[in-house]
Amino acid sequence: GDVRSLVSRDHYVGERAKEVLPLFARSGCSSWTEFCVRFVKGFPFVLATVGSTSRAANLDEFLTTRLEDVEPLDADIHEAILALQRKWSDDVDRHAEPWTM
């Protein structure tokens, strides 16, 4: 898969892809799969990742990209992705009031 192809979508996927695209461009990754695997590699205790895709060719790419063969994304890119995830969660997720926990 390619994040650039998602930008033109009308719903939230396209909006999120627009925010991720500059980070992908800065990363120097040659593919979306590499970007995803390198993001996961930034978590020191993660030993494996499972790619998710609807296309066999994309699955093949995930299966041939070994976690131990890649370096993590630069720390600033990794943190920027985490910040986007927190923002998206704040924007759309329902949050319980502290007193309900």
PDB file of N, CA and C in Angstrom:
ATOM      1  N   GLY A   1       0.801  -1.186   0.000  1.00  0.00           N
ATOM      2  CA  GLY A   1       0.000   0.000   0.000  1.00  0.00           C
ATOM      3  C   GLY A   1       0.845   1.251   0.000  1.00  0.00           C
ATOM      4  N   ASP A   2       0.230   2.353  -0.271  1.00  0.00           N
ATOM      5  CA  ASP A   2       0.925   3.627  -0.353  1.00  0.00           C
ATOM      6  C   ASP A   2       0.058   4.699   0.290  1.00  0.00           C
ATOM      7  N   VAL A   3       0.609   5.401   1.266  1.00  0.00           N
ATOM      8  CA  VAL A   3      -0.148   6.429   1.974  1.00  0.00           C
ATOM      9  C   VAL A   3      -0.603   7.533   1.029  1.00  0.00           C
ATOM     10  N   ARG A   4       0.155   7.790  -0.033  1.00  0.00           N
ATOM     11  CA  ARG A   4      -0.230   8.849  -0.976  1.00  0.00           C
ATOM     12  C   ARG A   4      -1.570   8.550  -1.636  1.00  0.00           C
ATOM     13  N   SER A   5      -1.889   7.276  -1.830  1.00  0.00           N
ATOM     14  CA  SER A   5      -3.161   6.918  -2.467  1.00  0.00           C
ATOM     15  C   SER A   5      -4.350   7.162  -1.542  1.00  0.00           C
ATOM     16  N   LEU A   6      -4.106   7.274  -0.257  1.00  0.00           N
ATOM     17  CA  LEU A   6      -5.186   7.478   0.713  1.00  0.00           C
ATOM     18  C   LEU A   6      -5.591   8.936   0.854  1.00  0.00           C
ATOM     19  N   VAL A   7      -4.709   9.853   0.465  1.00  0.00           N
ATOM     20  CA  VAL A   7      -4.950  11.285   0.661  1.00  0.00           C
ATOM     21  C   VAL A   7      -6.216  11.747  -0.036  1.00  0.00           C
ATOM     22  N   SER A   8      -6.542  11.159  -1.163  1.00  0.00           N
ATOM     23  CA  SER A   8      -7.702  11.621  -1.932  1.00  0.00           C
ATOM     24  C   SER A   8      -9.034  11.118  -1.396  1.00  0.00           C
ATOM     25  N   ARG A   9      -9.016  10.282  -0.408  1.00  0.00           N
ATOM     26  CA  ARG A   9     -10.282   9.785   0.155  1.00  0.00           C
ATOM     27  C   ARG A   9     -10.984  10.893   0.912  1.00  0.00           C
ATOM     28  N   ASP A  10     -12.312  10.829   0.927  1.00  0.00           N
ATOM     29  CA  ASP A  10     -13.107  11.904   1.510  1.00  0.00           C
ATOM     30  C   ASP A  10     -13.280  11.810   3.019  1.00  0.00           C
ATOM     31  N   HIS A  11     -13.227  10.652   3.574  1.00  0.00           N
ATOM     32  CA  HIS A  11     -13.528  10.510   5.001  1.00  0.00           C
ATOM     33  C   HIS A  11     -12.255  10.637   5.842  1.00  0.00           C
ATOM     34  N   TYR A  12     -12.340  10.244   7.082  1.00  0.00           N
ATOM     35  CA  TYR A  12     -11.257  10.464   8.029  1.00  0.00           C
ATOM     36  C   TYR A  12      -9.940   9.835   7.597  1.00  0.00           C
ATOM     37  N   VAL A  13      -9.962   8.775   6.811  1.00  0.00           N
ATOM     38  CA  VAL A  13      -8.718   8.150   6.361  1.00  0.00           C
ATOM     39  C   VAL A  13      -7.909   9.138   5.520  1.00  0.00           C
ATOM     40  N   GLY A  14      -8.572   9.835   4.626  1.00  0.00           N
ATOM     41  CA  GLY A  14      -7.888  10.822   3.807  1.00  0.00           C
ATOM     42  C   GLY A  14      -7.324  11.965   4.630  1.00  0.00           C
ATOM     43  N   GLU A  15      -8.099  12.429   5.619  1.00  0.00           N
ATOM     44  CA  GLU A  15      -7.627  13.515   6.478  1.00  0.00           C
ATOM     45  C   GLU A  15      -6.405  13.079   7.273  1.00  0.00           C
ATOM     46  N   ARG A  16      -6.431  11.873   7.791  1.00  0.00           N
ATOM     47  CA  ARG A  16      -5.288  11.374   8.556  1.00  0.00           C
ATOM     48  C   ARG A  16      -4.079  11.152   7.644  1.00  0.00           C
ATOM     49  N   ALA A  17      -4.328  10.643   6.455  1.00  0.00           N
ATOM     50  CA  ALA A  17      -3.225  10.418   5.511  1.00  0.00           C
ATOM     51  C   ALA A  17      -2.531  11.733   5.180  1.00  0.00           C
ATOM     52  N   LYS A  18      -3.300  12.817   5.047  1.00  0.00           N
ATOM     53  CA  LYS A  18      -2.710  14.129   4.765  1.00  0.00           C
ATOM     54  C   LYS A  18      -1.768  14.567   5.884  1.00  0.00           C
ATOM     55  N   GLU A  19      -2.098  14.196   7.112  1.00  0.00           N
ATOM     56  CA  GLU A  19      -1.255  14.565   8.245  1.00  0.00           C
ATOM     57  C   GLU A  19      -0.015  13.676   8.350  1.00  0.00           C
ATOM     58  N   VAL A  20      -0.132  12.442   7.911  1.00  0.00           N
ATOM     59  CA  VAL A  20       0.992  11.500   8.002  1.00  0.00           C
ATOM     60  C   VAL A  20       1.957  11.653   6.831  1.00  0.00           C
ATOM     61  N   LEU A  21       1.456  12.076   5.689  1.00  0.00           N
ATOM     62  CA  LEU A  21       2.271  12.141   4.475  1.00  0.00           C
ATOM     63  C   LEU A  21       3.577  12.926   4.654  1.00  0.00           C
ATOM     64  N   PRO A  22       3.581  14.098   5.309  1.00  0.00           N
ATOM     65  CA  PRO A  22       4.860  14.793   5.496  1.00  0.00           C
ATOM     66  C   PRO A  22       5.861  13.995   6.341  1.00  0.00           C
ATOM     67  N   LEU A  23       5.351  13.244   7.309  1.00  0.00           N
ATOM     68  CA  LEU A  23       6.239  12.413   8.134  1.00  0.00           C
ATOM     69  C   LEU A  23       6.813  11.264   7.312  1.00  0.00           C
ATOM     70  N   PHE A  24       5.969  10.674   6.477  1.00  0.00           N
ATOM     71  CA  PHE A  24       6.427   9.613   5.574  1.00  0.00           C
ATOM     72  C   PHE A  24       7.519  10.157   4.655  1.00  0.00           C
ATOM     73  N   ALA A  25       7.307  11.334   4.099  1.00  0.00           N
ATOM     74  CA  ALA A  25       8.287  11.932   3.186  1.00  0.00           C
ATOM     75  C   ALA A  25       9.612  12.197   3.894  1.00  0.00           C
ATOM     76  N   ARG A  26       9.555  12.691   5.121  1.00  0.00           N
ATOM     77  CA  ARG A  26      10.781  12.966   5.894  1.00  0.00           C
ATOM     78  C   ARG A  26      11.514  11.702   6.304  1.00  0.00           C
ATOM     79  N   SER A  27      10.795  10.591   6.405  1.00  0.00           N
ATOM     80  CA  SER A  27      11.389   9.354   6.938  1.00  0.00           C
ATOM     81  C   SER A  27      12.423   8.730   6.018  1.00  0.00           C
ATOM     82  N   GLY A  28      12.309   8.994   4.726  1.00  0.00           N
ATOM     83  CA  GLY A  28      13.212   8.346   3.776  1.00  0.00           C
ATOM     84  C   GLY A  28      12.833   6.912   3.458  1.00  0.00           C
ATOM     85  N   CYS A  29      11.691   6.467   3.951  1.00  0.00           N
ATOM     86  CA  CYS A  29      11.238   5.102   3.688  1.00  0.00           C
ATOM     87  C   CYS A  29      10.824   4.965   2.221  1.00  0.00           C
ATOM     88  N   SER A  30      11.102   3.804   1.664  1.00  0.00           N
ATOM     89  CA  SER A  30      10.765   3.584   0.260  1.00  0.00           C
ATOM     90  C   SER A  30       9.354   3.047   0.075  1.00  0.00           C
ATOM     91  N   SER A  31       8.719   2.614   1.168  1.00  0.00           N
ATOM     92  CA  SER A  31       7.360   2.073   1.060  1.00  0.00           C
ATOM     93  C   SER A  31       6.606   2.309   2.359  1.00  0.00           C
ATOM     94  N   TRP A  32       5.289   2.233   2.247  1.00  0.00           N
ATOM     95  CA  TRP A  32       4.429   2.351   3.423  1.00  0.00           C
ATOM     96  C   TRP A  32       4.708   1.213   4.398  1.00  0.00           C
ATOM     97  N   THR A  33       4.959   0.029   3.867  1.00  0.00           N
ATOM     98  CA  THR A  33       5.277  -1.119   4.727  1.00  0.00           C
ATOM     99  C   THR A  33       6.526  -0.844   5.539  1.00  0.00           C
ATOM    100  N   GLU A  34       7.572  -0.361   4.890  1.00  0.00           N
ATOM    101  CA  GLU A  34       8.808  -0.051   5.615  1.00  0.00           C
ATOM    102  C   GLU A  34       8.538   0.982   6.705  1.00  0.00           C
ATOM    103  N   PHE A  35       7.759   2.009   6.385  1.00  0.00           N
ATOM    104  CA  PHE A  35       7.416   3.051   7.347  1.00  0.00           C
ATOM    105  C   PHE A  35       6.716   2.443   8.561  1.00  0.00           C
ATOM    106  N   CYS A  36       5.738   1.593   8.315  1.00  0.00           N
ATOM    107  CA  CYS A  36       4.975   0.966   9.410  1.00  0.00           C
ATOM    108  C   CYS A  36       5.861   0.073  10.276  1.00  0.00           C
ATOM    109  N   VAL A  37       6.701  -0.718   9.642  1.00  0.00           N
ATOM    110  CA  VAL A  37       7.562  -1.632  10.401  1.00  0.00           C
ATOM    111  C   VAL A  37       8.603  -0.842  11.195  1.00  0.00           C
ATOM    112  N   ARG A  38       9.140   0.197  10.596  1.00  0.00           N
ATOM    113  CA  ARG A  38      10.117   1.020  11.319  1.00  0.00           C
ATOM    114  C   ARG A  38       9.461   1.768  12.480  1.00  0.00           C
ATOM    115  N   PHE A  39       8.184   2.155  12.336  1.00  0.00           N
ATOM    116  CA  PHE A  39       7.466   2.775  13.450  1.00  0.00           C
ATOM    117  C   PHE A  39       7.365   1.794  14.606  1.00  0.00           C
ATOM    118  N   VAL A  40       6.962   0.572  14.315  1.00  0.00           N
ATOM    119  CA  VAL A  40       6.830  -0.451  15.355  1.00  0.00           C
ATOM    120  C   VAL A  40       8.174  -0.724  16.016  1.00  0.00           C
ATOM    121  N   LYS A  41       9.236  -0.705  15.234  1.00  0.00           N
ATOM    122  CA  LYS A  41      10.579  -0.972  15.761  1.00  0.00           C
ATOM    123  C   LYS A  41      10.972   0.070  16.802  1.00  0.00           C
ATOM    124  N   GLY A  42      10.324   1.221  16.811  1.00  0.00           N
ATOM    125  CA  GLY A  42      10.612   2.265  17.784  1.00  0.00           C
ATOM    126  C   GLY A  42      10.141   1.949  19.197  1.00  0.00           C
ATOM    127  N   PHE A  43       9.400   0.881  19.366  1.00  0.00           N
ATOM    128  CA  PHE A  43       8.983   0.431  20.693  1.00  0.00           C
ATOM    129  C   PHE A  43       9.932  -0.690  21.104  1.00  0.00           C
ATOM    130  N   PRO A  44      10.818  -0.453  22.073  1.00  0.00           N
ATOM    131  CA  PRO A  44      11.907  -1.401  22.350  1.00  0.00           C
ATOM    132  C   PRO A  44      11.486  -2.807  22.756  1.00  0.00           C
ATOM    133  N   PHE A  45      10.307  -2.987  23.292  1.00  0.00           N
ATOM    134  CA  PHE A  45       9.917  -4.317  23.753  1.00  0.00           C
ATOM    135  C   PHE A  45       9.065  -5.085  22.751  1.00  0.00           C
ATOM    136  N   VAL A  46       8.822  -4.505  21.585  1.00  0.00           N
ATOM    137  CA  VAL A  46       8.046  -5.182  20.551  1.00  0.00           C
ATOM    138  C   VAL A  46       8.958  -6.160  19.813  1.00  0.00           C
ATOM    139  N   LEU A  47       8.527  -7.406  19.715  1.00  0.00           N
ATOM    140  CA  LEU A  47       9.326  -8.439  19.065  1.00  0.00           C
ATOM    141  C   LEU A  47       8.774  -8.831  17.702  1.00  0.00           C
ATOM    142  N   ALA A  48       7.516  -8.496  17.447  1.00  0.00           N
ATOM    143  CA  ALA A  48       6.888  -8.876  16.177  1.00  0.00           C
ATOM    144  C   ALA A  48       5.760  -7.908  15.871  1.00  0.00           C
ATOM    145  N   THR A  49       5.371  -7.862  14.604  1.00  0.00           N
ATOM    146  CA  THR A  49       4.233  -7.053  14.193  1.00  0.00           C
ATOM    147  C   THR A  49       3.452  -7.838  13.148  1.00  0.00           C
ATOM    148  N   VAL A  50       2.176  -7.559  13.072  1.00  0.00           N
ATOM    149  CA  VAL A  50       1.319  -8.224  12.093  1.00  0.00           C
ATOM    150  C   VAL A  50       0.794  -7.159  11.151  1.00  0.00           C
ATOM    151  N   GLY A  51       1.115  -7.287   9.882  1.00  0.00           N
ATOM    152  CA  GLY A  51       0.625  -6.339   8.890  1.00  0.00           C
ATOM    153  C   GLY A  51      -0.830  -6.622   8.561  1.00  0.00           C
ATOM    154  N   SER A  52      -1.546  -5.576   8.234  1.00  0.00           N
ATOM    155  CA  SER A  52      -2.954  -5.727   7.878  1.00  0.00           C
ATOM    156  C   SER A  52      -3.173  -5.130   6.498  1.00  0.00           C
ATOM    157  N   THR A  53      -3.735  -5.917   5.597  1.00  0.00           N
ATOM    158  CA  THR A  53      -3.954  -5.453   4.241  1.00  0.00           C
ATOM    159  C   THR A  53      -5.010  -6.312   3.564  1.00  0.00           C
ATOM    160  N   SER A  54      -5.604  -5.764   2.525  1.00  0.00           N
ATOM    161  CA  SER A  54      -6.594  -6.529   1.766  1.00  0.00           C
ATOM    162  C   SER A  54      -6.021  -7.035   0.442  1.00  0.00           C
ATOM    163  N   ARG A  55      -4.770  -6.716   0.162  1.00  0.00           N
ATOM    164  CA  ARG A  55      -4.144  -7.120  -1.101  1.00  0.00           C
ATOM    165  C   ARG A  55      -3.005  -8.090  -0.853  1.00  0.00           C
ATOM    166  N   ALA A  56      -2.978  -9.165  -1.622  1.00  0.00           N
ATOM    167  CA  ALA A  56      -1.950 -10.199  -1.460  1.00  0.00           C
ATOM    168  C   ALA A  56      -0.546  -9.632  -1.656  1.00  0.00           C
ATOM    169  N   ALA A  57      -0.362  -8.743  -2.614  1.00  0.00           N
ATOM    170  CA  ALA A  57       0.965  -8.175  -2.861  1.00  0.00           C
ATOM    171  C   ALA A  57       1.455  -7.384  -1.651  1.00  0.00           C
ATOM    172  N   ASN A  58       0.542  -6.661  -1.006  1.00  0.00           N
ATOM    173  CA  ASN A  58       0.925  -5.905   0.184  1.00  0.00           C
ATOM    174  C   ASN A  58       1.263  -6.847   1.335  1.00  0.00           C
ATOM    175  N   LEU A  59       0.518  -7.935   1.460  1.00  0.00           N
ATOM    176  CA  LEU A  59       0.831  -8.920   2.490  1.00  0.00           C
ATOM    177  C   LEU A  59       2.205  -9.521   2.240  1.00  0.00           C
ATOM    178  N   ASP A  60       2.518  -9.831   0.999  1.00  0.00           N
ATOM    179  CA  ASP A  60       3.839 -10.366   0.672  1.00  0.00           C
ATOM    180  C   ASP A  60       4.934  -9.404   1.100  1.00  0.00           C
ATOM    181  N   GLU A  61       4.689  -8.111   0.896  1.00  0.00           N
ATOM    182  CA  GLU A  61       5.690  -7.117   1.303  1.00  0.00           C
ATOM    183  C   GLU A  61       5.873  -7.121   2.817  1.00  0.00           C
ATOM    184  N   PHE A  62       4.776  -7.208   3.568  1.00  0.00           N
ATOM    185  CA  PHE A  62       4.889  -7.299   5.021  1.00  0.00           C
ATOM    186  C   PHE A  62       5.656  -8.552   5.433  1.00  0.00           C
ATOM    187  N   LEU A  63       5.379  -9.660   4.784  1.00  0.00           N
ATOM    188  CA  LEU A  63       6.021 -10.919   5.156  1.00  0.00           C
ATOM    189  C   LEU A  63       7.514 -10.932   4.858  1.00  0.00           C
ATOM    190  N   THR A  64       7.949 -10.153   3.884  1.00  0.00           N
ATOM    191  CA  THR A  64       9.372 -10.129   3.543  1.00  0.00           C
ATOM    192  C   THR A  64      10.133  -9.009   4.245  1.00  0.00           C
ATOM    193  N   THR A  65       9.436  -8.136   4.956  1.00  0.00           N
ATOM    194  CA  THR A  65      10.089  -7.064   5.707  1.00  0.00           C
ATOM    195  C   THR A  65      10.269  -7.536   7.133  1.00  0.00           C
ATOM    196  N   ARG A  66      11.485  -7.870   7.467  1.00  0.00           N
ATOM    197  CA  ARG A  66      11.781  -8.439   8.786  1.00  0.00           C
ATOM    198  C   ARG A  66      12.075  -7.344   9.800  1.00  0.00           C
ATOM    199  N   LEU A  67      11.428  -7.412  10.945  1.00  0.00           N
ATOM    200  CA  LEU A  67      11.581  -6.409  11.995  1.00  0.00           C
ATOM    201  C   LEU A  67      13.045  -6.270  12.403  1.00  0.00           C
ATOM    202  N   GLU A  68      13.760  -7.386  12.465  1.00  0.00           N
ATOM    203  CA  GLU A  68      15.157  -7.312  12.910  1.00  0.00           C
ATOM    204  C   GLU A  68      16.090  -6.718  11.850  1.00  0.00           C
ATOM    205  N   ASP A  69      15.606  -6.543  10.634  1.00  0.00           N
ATOM    206  CA  ASP A  69      16.441  -6.000   9.557  1.00  0.00           C
ATOM    207  C   ASP A  69      16.278  -4.502   9.342  1.00  0.00           C
ATOM    208  N   VAL A  70      15.397  -3.853  10.094  1.00  0.00           N
ATOM    209  CA  VAL A  70      15.168  -2.419   9.898  1.00  0.00           C
ATOM    210  C   VAL A  70      15.555  -1.639  11.148  1.00  0.00           C
ATOM    211  N   GLU A  71      15.841  -0.378  10.938  1.00  0.00           N
ATOM    212  CA  GLU A  71      16.109   0.549  12.036  1.00  0.00           C
ATOM    213  C   GLU A  71      14.819   1.276  12.375  1.00  0.00           C
ATOM    214  N   PRO A  72      14.657   1.697  13.617  1.00  0.00           N
ATOM    215  CA  PRO A  72      13.461   2.473  13.949  1.00  0.00           C
ATOM    216  C   PRO A  72      13.473   3.820  13.226  1.00  0.00           C
ATOM    217  N   LEU A  73      12.312   4.410  13.097  1.00  0.00           N
ATOM    218  CA  LEU A  73      12.219   5.768  12.570  1.00  0.00           C
ATOM    219  C   LEU A  73      12.983   6.711  13.491  1.00  0.00           C
ATOM    220  N   ASP A  74      13.404   7.854  12.961  1.00  0.00           N
ATOM    221  CA  ASP A  74      14.019   8.860  13.818  1.00  0.00           C
ATOM    222  C   ASP A  74      13.057   9.194  14.949  1.00  0.00           C
ATOM    223  N   ALA A  75      13.610   9.483  16.108  1.00  0.00           N
ATOM    224  CA  ALA A  75      12.792   9.712  17.305  1.00  0.00           C
ATOM    225  C   ALA A  75      11.777  10.838  17.112  1.00  0.00           C
ATOM    226  N   ASP A  76      12.148  11.902  16.383  1.00  0.00           N
ATOM    227  CA  ASP A  76      11.203  13.011  16.211  1.00  0.00           C
ATOM    228  C   ASP A  76      10.013  12.597  15.344  1.00  0.00           C
ATOM    229  N   ILE A  77      10.234  11.753  14.349  1.00  0.00           N
ATOM    230  CA  ILE A  77       9.134  11.263  13.512  1.00  0.00           C
ATOM    231  C   ILE A  77       8.254  10.311  14.315  1.00  0.00           C
ATOM    232  N   HIS A  78       8.887   9.430  15.074  1.00  0.00           N
ATOM    233  CA  HIS A  78       8.139   8.480  15.915  1.00  0.00           C
ATOM    234  C   HIS A  78       7.241   9.238  16.886  1.00  0.00           C
ATOM    235  N   GLU A  79       7.791  10.254  17.542  1.00  0.00           N
ATOM    236  CA  GLU A  79       7.004  11.021  18.505  1.00  0.00           C
ATOM    237  C   GLU A  79       5.903  11.810  17.811  1.00  0.00           C
ATOM    238  N   ALA A  80       6.156  12.300  16.608  1.00  0.00           N
ATOM    239  CA  ALA A  80       5.133  13.035  15.867  1.00  0.00           C
ATOM    240  C   ALA A  80       3.951  12.123  15.509  1.00  0.00           C
ATOM    241  N   ILE A  81       4.236  10.878  15.182  1.00  0.00           N
ATOM    242  CA  ILE A  81       3.156   9.920  14.895  1.00  0.00           C
ATOM    243  C   ILE A  81       2.345   9.657  16.161  1.00  0.00           C
ATOM    244  N   LEU A  82       3.025   9.467  17.281  1.00  0.00           N
ATOM    245  CA  LEU A  82       2.317   9.248  18.542  1.00  0.00           C
ATOM    246  C   LEU A  82       1.460  10.463  18.900  1.00  0.00           C
ATOM    247  N   ALA A  83       1.970  11.661  18.640  1.00  0.00           N
ATOM    248  CA  ALA A  83       1.192  12.876  18.909  1.00  0.00           C
ATOM    249  C   ALA A  83      -0.052  12.922  18.026  1.00  0.00           C
ATOM    250  N   LEU A  84       0.084  12.527  16.758  1.00  0.00           N
ATOM    251  CA  LEU A  84      -1.083  12.470  15.876  1.00  0.00           C
ATOM    252  C   LEU A  84      -2.100  11.459  16.390  1.00  0.00           C
ATOM    253  N   GLN A  85      -1.630  10.312  16.839  1.00  0.00           N
ATOM    254  CA  GLN A  85      -2.555   9.300  17.358  1.00  0.00           C
ATOM    255  C   GLN A  85      -3.305   9.818  18.579  1.00  0.00           C
ATOM    256  N   ARG A  86      -2.599  10.525  19.453  1.00  0.00           N
ATOM    257  CA  ARG A  86      -3.271  11.101  20.630  1.00  0.00           C
ATOM    258  C   ARG A  86      -4.297  12.155  20.197  1.00  0.00           C
ATOM    259  N   LYS A  87      -3.938  12.981  19.219  1.00  0.00           N
ATOM    260  CA  LYS A  87      -4.859  14.007  18.718  1.00  0.00           C
ATOM    261  C   LYS A  87      -6.095  13.361  18.115  1.00  0.00           C
ATOM    262  N   TRP A  88      -5.893  12.341  17.276  1.00  0.00           N
ATOM    263  CA  TRP A  88      -7.036  11.665  16.662  1.00  0.00           C
ATOM    264  C   TRP A  88      -7.919  11.028  17.717  1.00  0.00           C
ATOM    265  N   SER A  89      -7.308  10.474  18.745  1.00  0.00           N
ATOM    266  CA  SER A  89      -8.087   9.879  19.828  1.00  0.00           C
ATOM    267  C   SER A  89      -8.899  10.948  20.547  1.00  0.00           C
ATOM    268  N   ASP A  90      -8.271  12.070  20.834  1.00  0.00           N
ATOM    269  CA  ASP A  90      -8.985  13.162  21.500  1.00  0.00           C
ATOM    270  C   ASP A  90     -10.125  13.687  20.644  1.00  0.00           C
ATOM    271  N   ASP A  91      -9.924  13.691  19.316  1.00  0.00           N
ATOM    272  CA  ASP A  91     -10.929  14.221  18.396  1.00  0.00           C
ATOM    273  C   ASP A  91     -12.150  13.314  18.247  1.00  0.00           C
ATOM    274  N   VAL A  92     -11.949  12.003  18.246  1.00  0.00           N
ATOM    275  CA  VAL A  92     -13.056  11.114  17.886  1.00  0.00           C
ATOM    276  C   VAL A  92     -13.445  10.086  18.933  1.00  0.00           C
ATOM    277  N   ASP A  93     -12.550   9.735  19.829  1.00  0.00           N
ATOM    278  CA  ASP A  93     -12.886   8.706  20.808  1.00  0.00           C
ATOM    279  C   ASP A  93     -13.764   9.272  21.914  1.00  0.00           C
ATOM    280  N   ARG A  94     -14.551   8.419  22.477  1.00  0.00           N
ATOM    281  CA  ARG A  94     -15.340   8.814  23.630  1.00  0.00           C
ATOM    282  C   ARG A  94     -14.489   8.585  24.869  1.00  0.00           C
ATOM    283  N   HIS A  95     -14.504   9.539  25.742  1.00  0.00           N
ATOM    284  CA  HIS A  95     -13.685   9.457  26.942  1.00  0.00           C
ATOM    285  C   HIS A  95     -14.581   9.472  28.161  1.00  0.00           C
ATOM    286  N   ALA A  96     -14.332   8.524  29.041  1.00  0.00           N
ATOM    287  CA  ALA A  96     -15.112   8.448  30.280  1.00  0.00           C
ATOM    288  C   ALA A  96     -14.655   9.535  31.246  1.00  0.00           C
ATOM    289  N   GLU A  97     -15.575  10.022  32.000  1.00  0.00           N
ATOM    290  CA  GLU A  97     -15.222  10.970  33.057  1.00  0.00           C
ATOM    291  C   GLU A  97     -14.446  10.200  34.131  1.00  0.00           C
ATOM    292  N   PRO A  98     -13.436  10.842  34.718  1.00  0.00           N
ATOM    293  CA  PRO A  98     -12.612  10.134  35.722  1.00  0.00           C
ATOM    294  C   PRO A  98     -13.423   9.507  36.858  1.00  0.00           C
ATOM    295  N   TRP A  99     -14.516  10.160  37.250  1.00  0.00           N
ATOM    296  CA  TRP A  99     -15.299   9.630  38.358  1.00  0.00           C
ATOM    297  C   TRP A  99     -16.018   8.322  38.006  1.00  0.00           C
ATOM    298  N   THR A 100     -16.108   7.985  36.692  1.00  0.00           N
ATOM    299  CA  THR A 100     -16.806   6.758  36.287  1.00  0.00           C
ATOM    300  C   THR A 100     -15.878   5.546  36.285  1.00  0.00           C
ATOM    301  N   MET A 101     -14.623   5.763  36.469  1.00  0.00           N
ATOM    302  CA  MET A 101     -13.665   4.659  36.393  1.00  0.00           C
ATOM    303  C   MET A 101     -13.538   3.932  37.709  1.00  0.00           C
TER     304      MET A 101
END
